[in-house]
Amino acid sequence: MRPGPQTRALWEMFSDLMDLDDAHRYVADMLADMDVRYDLGDNTGSSAPCART
């Protein structure tokens, strides 16, 4: 990143966003790859993965 008024303004805005719990959690989840969700379908039947009989 090159220094300048636009970079500083972006840094300040991002810094303010990190003070919000939801924004902080969202960014932390993205960095930890926790933002990926997979549709596992209906897991109520006995054919669900890891289902014990």
C-alpha atoms as a PDB file:
ATOM      1  CA  MET A   1       0.000   0.000   0.000  1.00  0.00           C
ATOM      2  CA  ARG A   2       1.292   3.368  -0.847  1.00  0.00           C
ATOM      3  CA  PRO A   3       0.965   6.099   1.762  1.00  0.00           C
ATOM      4  CA  GLY A   4      -1.432   8.926   1.071  1.00  0.00           C
ATOM      5  CA  PRO A   5      -4.666  10.523   2.204  1.00  0.00           C
ATOM      6  CA  GLN A   6      -6.856   7.868   0.545  1.00  0.00           C
ATOM      7  CA  THR A   7      -4.902   5.043   2.187  1.00  0.00           C
ATOM      8  CA  ARG A   8      -5.103   6.752   5.561  1.00  0.00           C
ATOM      9  CA  ALA A   9      -8.868   7.299   5.172  1.00  0.00           C
ATOM     10  CA  LEU A  10      -9.385   3.619   4.273  1.00  0.00           C
ATOM     11  CA  TRP A  11      -7.261   2.514   7.234  1.00  0.00           C
ATOM     12  CA  GLU A  12      -9.268   4.727   9.616  1.00  0.00           C
ATOM     13  CA  MET A  13     -12.594   3.440   8.282  1.00  0.00           C
ATOM     14  CA  PHE A  14     -11.467  -0.182   8.590  1.00  0.00           C
ATOM     15  CA  SER A  15     -10.168   0.505  12.089  1.00  0.00           C
ATOM     16  CA  ASP A  16     -13.569   1.937  13.085  1.00  0.00           C
ATOM     17  CA  LEU A  17     -15.320  -1.119  11.642  1.00  0.00           C
ATOM     18  CA  MET A  18     -13.145  -3.426  13.744  1.00  0.00           C
ATOM     19  CA  ASP A  19     -14.630  -1.798  16.843  1.00  0.00           C
ATOM     20  CA  LEU A  20     -17.981  -3.384  15.899  1.00  0.00           C
ATOM     21  CA  ASP A  21     -18.361  -6.949  17.183  1.00  0.00           C
ATOM     22  CA  ASP A  22     -20.159  -8.247  14.084  1.00  0.00           C
ATOM     23  CA  ALA A  23     -17.619  -6.764  11.670  1.00  0.00           C
ATOM     24  CA  HIS A  24     -14.720  -8.018  13.795  1.00  0.00           C
ATOM     25  CA  ARG A  25     -16.189 -11.542  13.924  1.00  0.00           C
ATOM     26  CA  TYR A  26     -16.860 -11.506  10.157  1.00  0.00           C
ATOM     27  CA  VAL A  27     -13.268 -10.556   9.293  1.00  0.00           C
ATOM     28  CA  ALA A  28     -11.827 -12.992  11.843  1.00  0.00           C
ATOM     29  CA  ASP A  29     -13.974 -15.804  10.409  1.00  0.00           C
ATOM     30  CA  MET A  30     -12.827 -14.970   6.879  1.00  0.00           C
ATOM     31  CA  LEU A  31      -9.180 -15.045   7.922  1.00  0.00           C
ATOM     32  CA  ALA A  32      -9.678 -18.383   9.697  1.00  0.00           C
ATOM     33  CA  ASP A  33     -11.686 -19.859   6.769  1.00  0.00           C
ATOM     34  CA  MET A  34     -14.681 -20.155   9.082  1.00  0.00           C
ATOM     35  CA  ASP A  35     -16.909 -18.209   6.667  1.00  0.00           C
ATOM     36  CA  VAL A  36     -17.366 -21.215   4.345  1.00  0.00           C
ATOM     37  CA  ARG A  37     -20.665 -23.026   4.771  1.00  0.00           C
ATOM     38  CA  TYR A  38     -21.588 -26.249   3.011  1.00  0.00           C
ATOM     39  CA  ASP A  39     -25.124 -27.432   2.379  1.00  0.00           C
ATOM     40  CA  LEU A  40     -25.193 -30.883   3.953  1.00  0.00           C
ATOM     41  CA  GLY A  41     -28.812 -31.488   3.065  1.00  0.00           C
ATOM     42  CA  ASP A  42     -31.269 -33.149   5.392  1.00  0.00           C
ATOM     43  CA  ASN A  43     -29.367 -34.890   8.188  1.00  0.00           C
ATOM     44  CA  THR A  44     -32.421 -36.280   9.987  1.00  0.00           C
ATOM     45  CA  GLY A  45     -32.389 -39.736   8.350  1.00  0.00           C
ATOM     46  CA  SER A  46     -30.192 -42.705   9.236  1.00  0.00           C
ATOM     47  CA  SER A  47     -28.264 -42.309   5.971  1.00  0.00           C
ATOM     48  CA  ALA A  48     -26.656 -39.092   7.203  1.00  0.00           C
ATOM     49  CA  PRO A  49     -22.876 -39.087   7.418  1.00  0.00           C
ATOM     50  CA  CYS A  50     -21.610 -40.137  10.837  1.00  0.00           C
ATOM     51  CA  ALA A  51     -25.048 -41.478  11.800  1.00  0.00           C
ATOM     52  CA  ARG A  52     -24.849 -44.332  14.291  1.00  0.00           C
ATOM     53  CA  THR A  53     -27.259 -47.199  14.249  1.00  0.00           C
END
